[in-house]
Amino acid sequence: MILNKPVVWLHNEIKTPPFSREARLKSGFLLRELQLGESLEMPESRPMPSIGKRCHELRVVDKDTNKTWRIIYRVDDDAIVILEVFPKKTEQTPKKVIDTCKKRIKRYDSL
């Protein structure tokens, strides 16, 4: 396993705005922990087997904007792959987001 794995962005980004500065820093801190090989658990991260193996959802509460951000990622041996970033408005992850992430994984793995 590679420590200090690169973060590979397949889509979107974390920036201020729309993230508040605090939420952007929290996201960066959590991604840095993943890069260093840390395993994150609830409440920061939860597995997303509906998307694929090694896929997870970072959960970042943005108190300044009253939004809860989700960062869908996969932990590979050589990288942290970011599949999607979106504000979550419902309890369940939208089917469109799940389908989009699956397509991005398939395309990424075929390279």
Protein backbone atom coordinates (compact mmCIF):
# COMPACT_ATOMS: atom_id res chain seq x y z
CA MET A 1 0.00 0.00 0.00
CA ILE A 2 1.30 3.44 -0.92
CA LEU A 3 1.29 6.03 1.84
CA ASN A 4 0.65 9.60 0.77
CA LYS A 5 -1.55 8.44 -2.08
CA PRO A 6 -2.48 11.02 -4.69
CA VAL A 7 -6.09 12.18 -4.90
CA VAL A 8 -7.48 11.58 -8.40
CA TRP A 9 -10.43 13.83 -9.27
CA LEU A 10 -12.75 12.34 -11.88
CA HIS A 11 -15.32 15.12 -11.54
CA ASN A 12 -16.06 18.27 -9.57
CA GLU A 13 -13.93 19.95 -6.91
CA ILE A 14 -14.02 21.32 -3.40
CA LYS A 15 -13.75 25.08 -3.35
CA THR A 16 -15.10 28.12 -1.59
CA PRO A 17 -17.83 28.90 -2.61
CA PRO A 18 -20.02 26.81 -2.65
CA PHE A 19 -18.33 25.15 0.38
CA SER A 20 -17.75 27.46 3.31
CA ARG A 21 -14.11 27.87 4.29
CA GLU A 22 -14.65 25.65 7.34
CA ALA A 23 -16.27 22.84 5.29
CA ARG A 24 -13.52 23.06 2.65
CA LEU A 25 -10.84 22.75 5.35
CA LYS A 26 -12.66 19.82 6.99
CA SER A 27 -12.91 18.06 3.60
CA GLY A 28 -9.22 18.62 2.98
CA PHE A 29 -8.33 17.27 6.42
CA LEU A 30 -10.38 14.10 5.87
CA LEU A 31 -8.93 13.55 2.39
CA ARG A 32 -5.43 13.99 3.81
CA GLU A 33 -6.12 11.28 6.38
CA LEU A 34 -7.19 8.96 3.55
CA GLN A 35 -4.02 9.80 1.62
CA LEU A 36 -1.98 8.74 4.64
CA GLY A 37 -3.71 5.36 4.78
CA GLU A 38 -6.16 6.06 7.59
CA SER A 39 -9.52 4.31 7.58
CA LEU A 40 -12.40 6.65 8.33
CA GLU A 41 -15.63 5.54 9.96
CA MET A 42 -18.97 7.05 10.91
CA PRO A 43 -19.84 9.82 11.28
CA GLU A 44 -17.20 11.09 8.80
CA SER A 45 -17.43 8.25 6.29
CA ARG A 46 -19.59 5.27 5.47
CA PRO A 47 -19.23 2.43 2.97
CA MET A 48 -21.17 2.66 -0.30
CA PRO A 49 -21.35 -0.95 -1.58
CA SER A 50 -24.23 0.09 -3.85
CA ILE A 51 -21.60 1.91 -5.93
CA GLY A 52 -18.80 -0.62 -5.75
CA LYS A 53 -16.07 -2.27 -3.73
CA ARG A 54 -13.90 0.08 -1.66
CA CYS A 55 -16.35 2.95 -2.32
CA HIS A 56 -17.30 5.31 0.50
CA GLU A 57 -19.08 8.56 1.17
CA LEU A 58 -17.44 11.36 3.13
CA ARG A 59 -19.96 13.37 5.10
CA VAL A 60 -19.17 17.03 5.67
CA VAL A 61 -21.65 19.22 7.53
CA ASP A 62 -21.37 22.83 6.39
CA LYS A 63 -22.88 24.86 9.22
CA ASP A 64 -22.29 28.18 7.46
CA THR A 65 -24.42 27.25 4.44
CA ASN A 66 -26.76 24.76 6.17
CA LYS A 67 -25.78 22.05 3.68
CA THR A 68 -24.46 18.57 4.12
CA TRP A 69 -21.87 17.75 1.46
CA ARG A 70 -21.06 14.28 0.22
CA ILE A 71 -17.81 13.27 -1.42
CA ILE A 72 -18.03 9.85 -3.02
CA TYR A 73 -14.61 8.21 -3.22
CA ARG A 74 -12.89 4.86 -3.75
CA VAL A 75 -9.76 3.71 -1.98
CA ASP A 76 -7.36 2.10 -4.47
CA ASP A 77 -3.91 0.73 -3.69
CA ASP A 78 -2.29 3.65 -5.50
CA ALA A 79 -4.78 6.54 -5.11
CA ILE A 80 -7.92 7.99 -3.55
CA VAL A 81 -10.34 8.34 -6.48
CA ILE A 82 -12.97 11.08 -6.14
CA LEU A 83 -16.10 10.11 -8.05
CA GLU A 84 -18.56 12.88 -7.14
CA VAL A 85 -19.12 15.86 -4.85
CA PHE A 86 -22.65 17.06 -4.16
CA PRO A 87 -24.91 18.58 -1.49
CA LYS A 88 -27.11 15.87 -0.06
CA LYS A 89 -30.71 16.95 0.39
CA THR A 90 -32.45 13.62 1.04
CA GLU A 91 -31.77 10.65 3.28
CA GLN A 92 -30.94 8.33 0.38
CA THR A 93 -28.24 8.94 -2.17
CA PRO A 94 -30.00 9.77 -5.45
CA LYS A 95 -30.02 6.95 -8.01
CA LYS A 96 -28.60 9.34 -10.61
CA VAL A 97 -25.52 9.94 -8.41
CA ILE A 98 -25.02 6.19 -7.88
CA ASP A 99 -25.34 5.47 -11.61
CA THR A 100 -22.96 8.31 -12.51
CA CYS A 101 -20.36 7.05 -10.03
CA LYS A 102 -20.60 3.51 -11.42
CA LYS A 103 -20.02 4.83 -14.95
CA ARG A 104 -17.02 6.87 -13.83
CA ILE A 105 -15.48 3.84 -12.08
CA LYS A 106 -15.96 1.71 -15.17
CA ARG A 107 -14.38 4.35 -17.40
CA TYR A 108 -11.50 4.94 -14.97
CA ASP A 109 -10.77 1.22 -14.61
CA SER A 110 -10.70 0.77 -18.38
CA LEU A 111 -7.80 3.25 -18.79
